[in-house]
Amino acid sequence: MKGSILFLLACTAVLAATARADTSEQPEAVVKKVQEYAQKASAMVKGAFNTLQESEMTQQARRWLENNADRVKQKLEWVKQQLVELWRRTPAA
């Protein structure tokens, strides 16, 4: 999400500079053009993000995480138990 926002800000800055260079209009007109460009860029980023969320690869990654979350929890619990046992065996200084 941060990448999308950063991309949107970069596009806005480039478009603002381009609009400023291409026009000798009043500042209000430049601001209006930049806002229009920003809205278009935002719509494009949202569309790309939605496409990514719906992609088969993303869905496979979600399924893998859902299927393996229990294994990860079990491994972490095992590590925790091992550390507790090690802590109990270690003599106090």
PDB file of N, CA and C in Angstrom:
ATOM      1  N   MET A   1       0.827  -1.187   0.000  1.00  0.00           N
ATOM      2  CA  MET A   1       0.000   0.000   0.000  1.00  0.00           C
ATOM      3  C   MET A   1       0.871   1.250   0.000  1.00  0.00           C
ATOM      4  N   LYS A   2       1.961   1.220   0.771  1.00  0.00           N
ATOM      5  CA  LYS A   2       2.856   2.370   0.789  1.00  0.00           C
ATOM      6  C   LYS A   2       3.463   2.605  -0.592  1.00  0.00           C
ATOM      7  N   GLY A   3       3.753   1.523  -1.280  1.00  0.00           N
ATOM      8  CA  GLY A   3       4.303   1.637  -2.624  1.00  0.00           C
ATOM      9  C   GLY A   3       3.334   2.313  -3.569  1.00  0.00           C
ATOM     10  N   SER A   4       2.053   1.993  -3.425  1.00  0.00           N
ATOM     11  CA  SER A   4       1.031   2.609  -4.278  1.00  0.00           C
ATOM     12  C   SER A   4       0.935   4.103  -4.025  1.00  0.00           C
ATOM     13  N   ILE A   5       0.985   4.476  -2.757  1.00  0.00           N
ATOM     14  CA  ILE A   5       0.895   5.897  -2.405  1.00  0.00           C
ATOM     15  C   ILE A   5       2.118   6.637  -2.923  1.00  0.00           C
ATOM     16  N   LEU A   6       3.290   6.027  -2.751  1.00  0.00           N
ATOM     17  CA  LEU A   6       4.519   6.643  -3.235  1.00  0.00           C
ATOM     18  C   LEU A   6       4.480   6.792  -4.749  1.00  0.00           C
ATOM     19  N   PHE A   7       4.004   5.757  -5.436  1.00  0.00           N
ATOM     20  CA  PHE A   7       3.884   5.816  -6.887  1.00  0.00           C
ATOM     21  C   PHE A   7       2.923   6.921  -7.307  1.00  0.00           C
ATOM     22  N   LEU A   8       1.807   7.023  -6.614  1.00  0.00           N
ATOM     23  CA  LEU A   8       0.816   8.053  -6.920  1.00  0.00           C
ATOM     24  C   LEU A   8       1.406   9.444  -6.718  1.00  0.00           C
ATOM     25  N   LEU A   9       2.147   9.642  -5.644  1.00  0.00           N
ATOM     26  CA  LEU A   9       2.767  10.949  -5.390  1.00  0.00           C
ATOM     27  C   LEU A   9       3.816  11.279  -6.445  1.00  0.00           C
ATOM     28  N   ALA A  10       4.583  10.283  -6.850  1.00  0.00           N
ATOM     29  CA  ALA A  10       5.589  10.515  -7.885  1.00  0.00           C
ATOM     30  C   ALA A  10       4.928  10.880  -9.212  1.00  0.00           C
ATOM     31  N   CYS A  11       3.865  10.171  -9.552  1.00  0.00           N
ATOM     32  CA  CYS A  11       3.130  10.489 -10.790  1.00  0.00           C
ATOM     33  C   CYS A  11       2.558  11.895 -10.733  1.00  0.00           C
ATOM     34  N   THR A  12       2.019  12.260  -9.584  1.00  0.00           N
ATOM     35  CA  THR A  12       1.450  13.597  -9.427  1.00  0.00           C
ATOM     36  C   THR A  12       2.516  14.665  -9.597  1.00  0.00           C
ATOM     37  N   ALA A  13       3.685  14.441  -9.018  1.00  0.00           N
ATOM     38  CA  ALA A  13       4.763  15.421  -9.138  1.00  0.00           C
ATOM     39  C   ALA A  13       5.217  15.569 -10.586  1.00  0.00           C
ATOM     40  N   VAL A  14       5.365  14.446 -11.276  1.00  0.00           N
ATOM     41  CA  VAL A  14       5.774  14.494 -12.683  1.00  0.00           C
ATOM     42  C   VAL A  14       4.706  15.190 -13.522  1.00  0.00           C
ATOM     43  N   LEU A  15       3.468  14.827 -13.289  1.00  0.00           N
ATOM     44  CA  LEU A  15       2.382  15.433 -14.050  1.00  0.00           C
ATOM     45  C   LEU A  15       2.247  16.925 -13.756  1.00  0.00           C
ATOM     46  N   ALA A  16       2.487  17.303 -12.520  1.00  0.00           N
ATOM     47  CA  ALA A  16       2.428  18.723 -12.165  1.00  0.00           C
ATOM     48  C   ALA A  16       3.517  19.500 -12.886  1.00  0.00           C
ATOM     49  N   ALA A  17       4.705  18.933 -12.922  1.00  0.00           N
ATOM     50  CA  ALA A  17       5.799  19.604 -13.618  1.00  0.00           C
ATOM     51  C   ALA A  17       5.519  19.695 -15.108  1.00  0.00           C
ATOM     52  N   THR A  18       4.963  18.634 -15.680  1.00  0.00           N
ATOM     53  CA  THR A  18       4.626  18.629 -17.101  1.00  0.00           C
ATOM     54  C   THR A  18       3.528  19.632 -17.402  1.00  0.00           C
ATOM     55  N   ALA A  19       2.504  19.650 -16.567  1.00  0.00           N
ATOM     56  CA  ALA A  19       1.398  20.590 -16.778  1.00  0.00           C
ATOM     57  C   ALA A  19       1.892  22.025 -16.666  1.00  0.00           C
ATOM     58  N   ARG A  20       2.766  22.251 -15.742  1.00  0.00           N
ATOM     59  CA  ARG A  20       3.310  23.602 -15.548  1.00  0.00           C
ATOM     60  C   ARG A  20       4.134  24.027 -16.768  1.00  0.00           C
ATOM     61  N   ALA A  21       4.901  23.091 -17.314  1.00  0.00           N
ATOM     62  CA  ALA A  21       5.762  23.411 -18.451  1.00  0.00           C
ATOM     63  C   ALA A  21       4.960  23.591 -19.734  1.00  0.00           C
ATOM     64  N   ASP A  22       3.841  22.857 -19.851  1.00  0.00           N
ATOM     65  CA  ASP A  22       3.066  22.888 -21.088  1.00  0.00           C
ATOM     66  C   ASP A  22       2.031  24.005 -21.147  1.00  0.00           C
ATOM     67  N   THR A  23       1.851  24.717 -20.104  1.00  0.00           N
ATOM     68  CA  THR A  23       0.770  25.699 -20.102  1.00  0.00           C
ATOM     69  C   THR A  23       1.250  27.048 -19.590  1.00  0.00           C
ATOM     70  N   SER A  24       0.642  28.060 -20.128  1.00  0.00           N
ATOM     71  CA  SER A  24       0.921  29.405 -19.621  1.00  0.00           C
ATOM     72  C   SER A  24      -0.338  29.938 -18.949  1.00  0.00           C
ATOM     73  N   GLU A  25      -1.201  29.005 -18.518  1.00  0.00           N
ATOM     74  CA  GLU A  25      -2.473  29.365 -17.904  1.00  0.00           C
ATOM     75  C   GLU A  25      -2.271  29.844 -16.468  1.00  0.00           C
ATOM     76  N   GLN A  26      -3.356  30.255 -15.889  1.00  0.00           N
ATOM     77  CA  GLN A  26      -3.345  30.715 -14.507  1.00  0.00           C
ATOM     78  C   GLN A  26      -3.083  29.542 -13.564  1.00  0.00           C
ATOM     79  N   PRO A  27      -2.579  29.837 -12.368  1.00  0.00           N
ATOM     80  CA  PRO A  27      -2.291  28.758 -11.408  1.00  0.00           C
ATOM     81  C   PRO A  27      -3.509  27.890 -11.092  1.00  0.00           C
ATOM     82  N   GLU A  28      -4.698  28.471 -11.094  1.00  0.00           N
ATOM     83  CA  GLU A  28      -5.889  27.678 -10.794  1.00  0.00           C
ATOM     84  C   GLU A  28      -6.113  26.600 -11.856  1.00  0.00           C
ATOM     85  N   ALA A  29      -5.845  26.951 -13.111  1.00  0.00           N
ATOM     86  CA  ALA A  29      -6.003  25.981 -14.192  1.00  0.00           C
ATOM     87  C   ALA A  29      -4.975  24.862 -14.062  1.00  0.00           C
ATOM     88  N   VAL A  30      -3.765  25.209 -13.638  1.00  0.00           N
ATOM     89  CA  VAL A  30      -2.722  24.205 -13.452  1.00  0.00           C
ATOM     90  C   VAL A  30      -3.113  23.267 -12.314  1.00  0.00           C
ATOM     91  N   VAL A  31      -3.623  23.847 -11.238  1.00  0.00           N
ATOM     92  CA  VAL A  31      -4.050  23.031 -10.097  1.00  0.00           C
ATOM     93  C   VAL A  31      -5.162  22.080 -10.523  1.00  0.00           C
ATOM     94  N   LYS A  32      -6.087  22.577 -11.306  1.00  0.00           N
ATOM     95  CA  LYS A  32      -7.191  21.742 -11.780  1.00  0.00           C
ATOM     96  C   LYS A  32      -6.673  20.583 -12.631  1.00  0.00           C
ATOM     97  N   LYS A  33      -5.706  20.864 -13.515  1.00  0.00           N
ATOM     98  CA  LYS A  33      -5.126  19.809 -14.341  1.00  0.00           C
ATOM     99  C   LYS A  33      -4.408  18.770 -13.487  1.00  0.00           C
ATOM    100  N   VAL A  34      -3.672  19.232 -12.498  1.00  0.00           N
ATOM    101  CA  VAL A  34      -2.953  18.308 -11.623  1.00  0.00           C
ATOM    102  C   VAL A  34      -3.950  17.432 -10.862  1.00  0.00           C
ATOM    103  N   GLN A  35      -5.042  18.030 -10.405  1.00  0.00           N
ATOM    104  CA  GLN A  35      -6.058  17.244  -9.704  1.00  0.00           C
ATOM    105  C   GLN A  35      -6.666  16.191 -10.617  1.00  0.00           C
ATOM    106  N   GLU A  36      -6.919  16.557 -11.850  1.00  0.00           N
ATOM    107  CA  GLU A  36      -7.461  15.594 -12.814  1.00  0.00           C
ATOM    108  C   GLU A  36      -6.463  14.467 -13.061  1.00  0.00           C
ATOM    109  N   TYR A  37      -5.198  14.832 -13.254  1.00  0.00           N
ATOM    110  CA  TYR A  37      -4.173  13.816 -13.457  1.00  0.00           C
ATOM    111  C   TYR A  37      -4.060  12.906 -12.230  1.00  0.00           C
ATOM    112  N   ALA A  38      -4.119  13.500 -11.044  1.00  0.00           N
ATOM    113  CA  ALA A  38      -4.012  12.717  -9.810  1.00  0.00           C
ATOM    114  C   ALA A  38      -5.184  11.747  -9.692  1.00  0.00           C
ATOM    115  N   GLN A  39      -6.375  12.192 -10.064  1.00  0.00           N
ATOM    116  CA  GLN A  39      -7.538  11.305 -10.007  1.00  0.00           C
ATOM    117  C   GLN A  39      -7.376  10.148 -10.980  1.00  0.00           C
ATOM    118  N   LYS A  40      -6.877  10.435 -12.184  1.00  0.00           N
ATOM    119  CA  LYS A  40      -6.651   9.380 -13.170  1.00  0.00           C
ATOM    120  C   LYS A  40      -5.590   8.401 -12.676  1.00  0.00           C
ATOM    121  N   ALA A  41      -4.506   8.940 -12.129  1.00  0.00           N
ATOM    122  CA  ALA A  41      -3.430   8.074 -11.620  1.00  0.00           C
ATOM    123  C   ALA A  41      -3.931   7.225 -10.458  1.00  0.00           C
ATOM    124  N   SER A  42      -4.734   7.819  -9.587  1.00  0.00           N
ATOM    125  CA  SER A  42      -5.293   7.086  -8.452  1.00  0.00           C
ATOM    126  C   SER A  42      -6.191   5.953  -8.935  1.00  0.00           C
ATOM    127  N   ALA A  43      -7.008   6.227  -9.933  1.00  0.00           N
ATOM    128  CA  ALA A  43      -7.884   5.194 -10.479  1.00  0.00           C
ATOM    129  C   ALA A  43      -7.060   4.057 -11.087  1.00  0.00           C
ATOM    130  N   MET A  44      -5.974   4.400 -11.759  1.00  0.00           N
ATOM    131  CA  MET A  44      -5.118   3.373 -12.352  1.00  0.00           C
ATOM    132  C   MET A  44      -4.463   2.516 -11.273  1.00  0.00           C
ATOM    133  N   VAL A  45      -3.985   3.148 -10.208  1.00  0.00           N
ATOM    134  CA  VAL A  45      -3.342   2.409  -9.122  1.00  0.00           C
ATOM    135  C   VAL A  45      -4.363   1.494  -8.444  1.00  0.00           C
ATOM    136  N   LYS A  46      -5.565   2.006  -8.204  1.00  0.00           N
ATOM    137  CA  LYS A  46      -6.601   1.175  -7.588  1.00  0.00           C
ATOM    138  C   LYS A  46      -6.940  -0.014  -8.472  1.00  0.00           C
ATOM    139  N   GLY A  47      -7.036   0.213  -9.774  1.00  0.00           N
ATOM    140  CA  GLY A  47      -7.315  -0.875 -10.698  1.00  0.00           C
ATOM    141  C   GLY A  47      -6.226  -1.927 -10.687  1.00  0.00           C
ATOM    142  N   ALA A  48      -4.980  -1.471 -10.676  1.00  0.00           N
ATOM    143  CA  ALA A  48      -3.854  -2.405 -10.635  1.00  0.00           C
ATOM    144  C   ALA A  48      -3.850  -3.191  -9.325  1.00  0.00           C
ATOM    145  N   PHE A  49      -4.153  -2.515  -8.226  1.00  0.00           N
ATOM    146  CA  PHE A  49      -4.187  -3.170  -6.918  1.00  0.00           C
ATOM    147  C   PHE A  49      -5.298  -4.220  -6.877  1.00  0.00           C
ATOM    148  N   ASN A  50      -6.474  -3.879  -7.408  1.00  0.00           N
ATOM    149  CA  ASN A  50      -7.578  -4.835  -7.442  1.00  0.00           C
ATOM    150  C   ASN A  50      -7.240  -6.037  -8.307  1.00  0.00           C
ATOM    151  N   THR A  51      -6.584  -5.793  -9.434  1.00  0.00           N
ATOM    152  CA  THR A  51      -6.172  -6.885 -10.311  1.00  0.00           C
ATOM    153  C   THR A  51      -5.196  -7.802  -9.592  1.00  0.00           C
ATOM    154  N   LEU A  52      -4.268  -7.213  -8.856  1.00  0.00           N
ATOM    155  CA  LEU A  52      -3.303  -8.003  -8.103  1.00  0.00           C
ATOM    156  C   LEU A  52      -3.997  -8.836  -7.039  1.00  0.00           C
ATOM    157  N   GLN A  53      -4.955  -8.238  -6.326  1.00  0.00           N
ATOM    158  CA  GLN A  53      -5.660  -8.966  -5.277  1.00  0.00           C
ATOM    159  C   GLN A  53      -6.438 -10.146  -5.851  1.00  0.00           C
ATOM    160  N   GLU A  54      -6.934 -10.014  -7.048  1.00  0.00           N
ATOM    161  CA  GLU A  54      -7.747 -11.058  -7.660  1.00  0.00           C
ATOM    162  C   GLU A  54      -6.914 -12.081  -8.429  1.00  0.00           C
ATOM    163  N   SER A  55      -5.623 -11.863  -8.557  1.00  0.00           N
ATOM    164  CA  SER A  55      -4.798 -12.743  -9.375  1.00  0.00           C
ATOM    165  C   SER A  55      -4.696 -14.140  -8.764  1.00  0.00           C
ATOM    166  N   GLU A  56      -4.461 -15.103  -9.612  1.00  0.00           N
ATOM    167  CA  GLU A  56      -4.342 -16.500  -9.181  1.00  0.00           C
ATOM    168  C   GLU A  56      -3.152 -16.677  -8.244  1.00  0.00           C
ATOM    169  N   MET A  57      -2.049 -15.990  -8.540  1.00  0.00           N
ATOM    170  CA  MET A  57      -0.863 -16.104  -7.701  1.00  0.00           C
ATOM    171  C   MET A  57      -1.157 -15.621  -6.273  1.00  0.00           C
ATOM    172  N   THR A  58      -1.867 -14.522  -6.154  1.00  0.00           N
ATOM    173  CA  THR A  58      -2.205 -13.996  -4.830  1.00  0.00           C
ATOM    174  C   THR A  58      -3.120 -14.956  -4.089  1.00  0.00           C
ATOM    175  N   GLN A  59      -4.080 -15.510  -4.796  1.00  0.00           N
ATOM    176  CA  GLN A  59      -4.983 -16.465  -4.163  1.00  0.00           C
ATOM    177  C   GLN A  59      -4.231 -17.719  -3.711  1.00  0.00           C
ATOM    178  N   GLN A  60      -3.272 -18.172  -4.516  1.00  0.00           N
ATOM    179  CA  GLN A  60      -2.464 -19.329  -4.123  1.00  0.00           C
ATOM    180  C   GLN A  60      -1.633 -19.016  -2.882  1.00  0.00           C
ATOM    181  N   ALA A  61      -1.080 -17.826  -2.836  1.00  0.00           N
ATOM    182  CA  ALA A  61      -0.281 -17.431  -1.671  1.00  0.00           C
ATOM    183  C   ALA A  61      -1.153 -17.391  -0.417  1.00  0.00           C
ATOM    184  N   ARG A  62      -2.353 -16.870  -0.533  1.00  0.00           N
ATOM    185  CA  ARG A  62      -3.268 -16.844   0.619  1.00  0.00           C
ATOM    186  C   ARG A  62      -3.589 -18.260   1.087  1.00  0.00           C
ATOM    187  N   ARG A  63      -3.897 -19.149   0.131  1.00  0.00           N
ATOM    188  CA  ARG A  63      -4.214 -20.535   0.506  1.00  0.00           C
ATOM    189  C   ARG A  63      -3.016 -21.194   1.186  1.00  0.00           C
ATOM    190  N   TRP A  64      -1.808 -20.951   0.659  1.00  0.00           N
ATOM    191  CA  TRP A  64      -0.615 -21.541   1.262  1.00  0.00           C
ATOM    192  C   TRP A  64      -0.439 -21.047   2.692  1.00  0.00           C
ATOM    193  N   LEU A  65      -0.629 -19.748   2.894  1.00  0.00           N
ATOM    194  CA  LEU A  65      -0.490 -19.198   4.243  1.00  0.00           C
ATOM    195  C   LEU A  65      -1.542 -19.770   5.188  1.00  0.00           C
ATOM    196  N   GLU A  66      -2.780 -19.876   4.696  1.00  0.00           N
ATOM    197  CA  GLU A  66      -3.837 -20.444   5.530  1.00  0.00           C
ATOM    198  C   GLU A  66      -3.538 -21.904   5.883  1.00  0.00           C
ATOM    199  N   ASN A  67      -3.045 -22.662   4.915  1.00  0.00           N
ATOM    200  CA  ASN A  67      -2.769 -24.078   5.142  1.00  0.00           C
ATOM    201  C   ASN A  67      -1.557 -24.299   6.039  1.00  0.00           C
ATOM    202  N   ASN A  68      -0.607 -23.411   6.017  1.00  0.00           N
ATOM    203  CA  ASN A  68       0.636 -23.608   6.763  1.00  0.00           C
ATOM    204  C   ASN A  68       0.723 -22.797   8.045  1.00  0.00           C
ATOM    205  N   ALA A  69      -0.270 -21.995   8.336  1.00  0.00           N
ATOM    206  CA  ALA A  69      -0.233 -21.178   9.553  1.00  0.00           C
ATOM    207  C   ALA A  69      -0.167 -22.052  10.795  1.00  0.00           C
ATOM    208  N   ASP A  70      -0.911 -23.148  10.805  1.00  0.00           N
ATOM    209  CA  ASP A  70      -0.891 -24.040  11.964  1.00  0.00           C
ATOM    210  C   ASP A  70       0.481 -24.675  12.157  1.00  0.00           C
ATOM    211  N   ARG A  71       1.131 -25.043  11.063  1.00  0.00           N
ATOM    212  CA  ARG A  71       2.477 -25.620  11.164  1.00  0.00           C
ATOM    213  C   ARG A  71       3.452 -24.616  11.765  1.00  0.00           C
ATOM    214  N   VAL A  72       3.366 -23.383  11.316  1.00  0.00           N
ATOM    215  CA  VAL A  72       4.258 -22.347  11.833  1.00  0.00           C
ATOM    216  C   VAL A  72       4.010 -22.142  13.321  1.00  0.00           C
ATOM    217  N   LYS A  73       2.740 -22.108  13.713  1.00  0.00           N
ATOM    218  CA  LYS A  73       2.406 -21.947  15.138  1.00  0.00           C
ATOM    219  C   LYS A  73       2.962 -23.111  15.957  1.00  0.00           C
ATOM    220  N   GLN A  74       2.843 -24.317  15.421  1.00  0.00           N
ATOM    221  CA  GLN A  74       3.360 -25.485  16.123  1.00  0.00           C
ATOM    222  C   GLN A  74       4.873 -25.405  16.288  1.00  0.00           C
ATOM    223  N   LYS A  75       5.563 -25.012  15.241  1.00  0.00           N
ATOM    224  CA  LYS A  75       7.020 -24.891  15.316  1.00  0.00           C
ATOM    225  C   LYS A  75       7.427 -23.819  16.328  1.00  0.00           C
ATOM    226  N   LEU A  76       6.728 -22.695  16.317  1.00  0.00           N
ATOM    227  CA  LEU A  76       7.040 -21.633  17.272  1.00  0.00           C
ATOM    228  C   LEU A  76       6.788 -22.088  18.708  1.00  0.00           C
ATOM    229  N   GLU A  77       5.731 -22.846  18.918  1.00  0.00           N
ATOM    230  CA  GLU A  77       5.444 -23.376  20.249  1.00  0.00           C
ATOM    231  C   GLU A  77       6.536 -24.335  20.687  1.00  0.00           C
ATOM    232  N   TRP A  78       7.009 -25.174  19.760  1.00  0.00           N
ATOM    233  CA  TRP A  78       8.097 -26.099  20.074  1.00  0.00           C
ATOM    234  C   TRP A  78       9.356 -25.338  20.461  1.00  0.00           C
ATOM    235  N   VAL A  79       9.700 -24.304  19.694  1.00  0.00           N
ATOM    236  CA  VAL A  79      10.880 -23.488  20.004  1.00  0.00           C
ATOM    237  C   VAL A  79      10.720 -22.839  21.375  1.00  0.00           C
ATOM    238  N   LYS A  80       9.531 -22.353  21.652  1.00  0.00           N
ATOM    239  CA  LYS A  80       9.270 -21.724  22.956  1.00  0.00           C
ATOM    240  C   LYS A  80       9.483 -22.733  24.086  1.00  0.00           C
ATOM    241  N   GLN A  81       8.976 -23.951  23.908  1.00  0.00           N
ATOM    242  CA  GLN A  81       9.153 -24.976  24.938  1.00  0.00           C
ATOM    243  C   GLN A  81      10.627 -25.315  25.126  1.00  0.00           C
ATOM    244  N   GLN A  82      11.363 -25.394  24.044  1.00  0.00           N
ATOM    245  CA  GLN A  82      12.792 -25.688  24.136  1.00  0.00           C
ATOM    246  C   GLN A  82      13.532 -24.584  24.888  1.00  0.00           C
ATOM    247  N   LEU A  83      13.171 -23.344  24.606  1.00  0.00           N
ATOM    248  CA  LEU A  83      13.813 -22.228  25.302  1.00  0.00           C
ATOM    249  C   LEU A  83      13.468 -22.219  26.793  1.00  0.00           C
ATOM    250  N   VAL A  84      12.243 -22.557  27.123  1.00  0.00           N
ATOM    251  CA  VAL A  84      11.842 -22.617  28.538  1.00  0.00           C
ATOM    252  C   VAL A  84      12.640 -23.699  29.253  1.00  0.00           C
ATOM    253  N   GLU A  85      12.767 -24.868  28.626  1.00  0.00           N
ATOM    254  CA  GLU A  85      13.548 -25.945  29.240  1.00  0.00           C
ATOM    255  C   GLU A  85      15.011 -25.548  29.404  1.00  0.00           C
ATOM    256  N   LEU A  86      15.563 -24.902  28.390  1.00  0.00           N
ATOM    257  CA  LEU A  86      16.944 -24.444  28.471  1.00  0.00           C
ATOM    258  C   LEU A  86      17.108 -23.430  29.588  1.00  0.00           C
ATOM    259  N   TRP A  87      16.157 -22.549  29.741  1.00  0.00           N
ATOM    260  CA  TRP A  87      16.194 -21.521  30.792  1.00  0.00           C
ATOM    261  C   TRP A  87      16.166 -22.162  32.172  1.00  0.00           C
ATOM    262  N   ARG A  88      15.352 -23.204  32.320  1.00  0.00           N
ATOM    263  CA  ARG A  88      15.244 -23.904  33.624  1.00  0.00           C
ATOM    264  C   ARG A  88      16.551 -24.634  33.965  1.00  0.00           C
ATOM    265  N   ARG A  89      17.229 -25.167  32.975  1.00  0.00           N
ATOM    266  CA  ARG A  89      18.466 -25.909  33.197  1.00  0.00           C
ATOM    267  C   ARG A  89      19.652 -25.010  33.501  1.00  0.00           C
ATOM    268  N   THR A  90      19.599 -23.779  33.018  1.00  0.00           N
ATOM    269  CA  THR A  90      20.710 -22.851  33.199  1.00  0.00           C
ATOM    270  C   THR A  90      20.771 -22.422  34.660  1.00  0.00           C
ATOM    271  N   PRO A  91      21.927 -22.609  35.316  1.00  0.00           N
ATOM    272  CA  PRO A  91      22.040 -22.200  36.725  1.00  0.00           C
ATOM    273  C   PRO A  91      22.025 -20.671  36.860  1.00  0.00           C
ATOM    274  N   ALA A  92      21.475 -20.216  37.963  1.00  0.00           N
ATOM    275  CA  ALA A  92      21.449 -18.779  38.223  1.00  0.00           C
ATOM    276  C   ALA A  92      22.852 -18.295  38.537  1.00  0.00           C
ATOM    277  N   ALA A  93      23.151 -17.090  38.135  1.00  0.00           N
ATOM    278  CA  ALA A  93      24.507 -16.554  38.322  1.00  0.00           C
ATOM    279  C   ALA A  93      24.725 -16.080  39.728  1.00  0.00           C
TER     280      ALA A  93
END
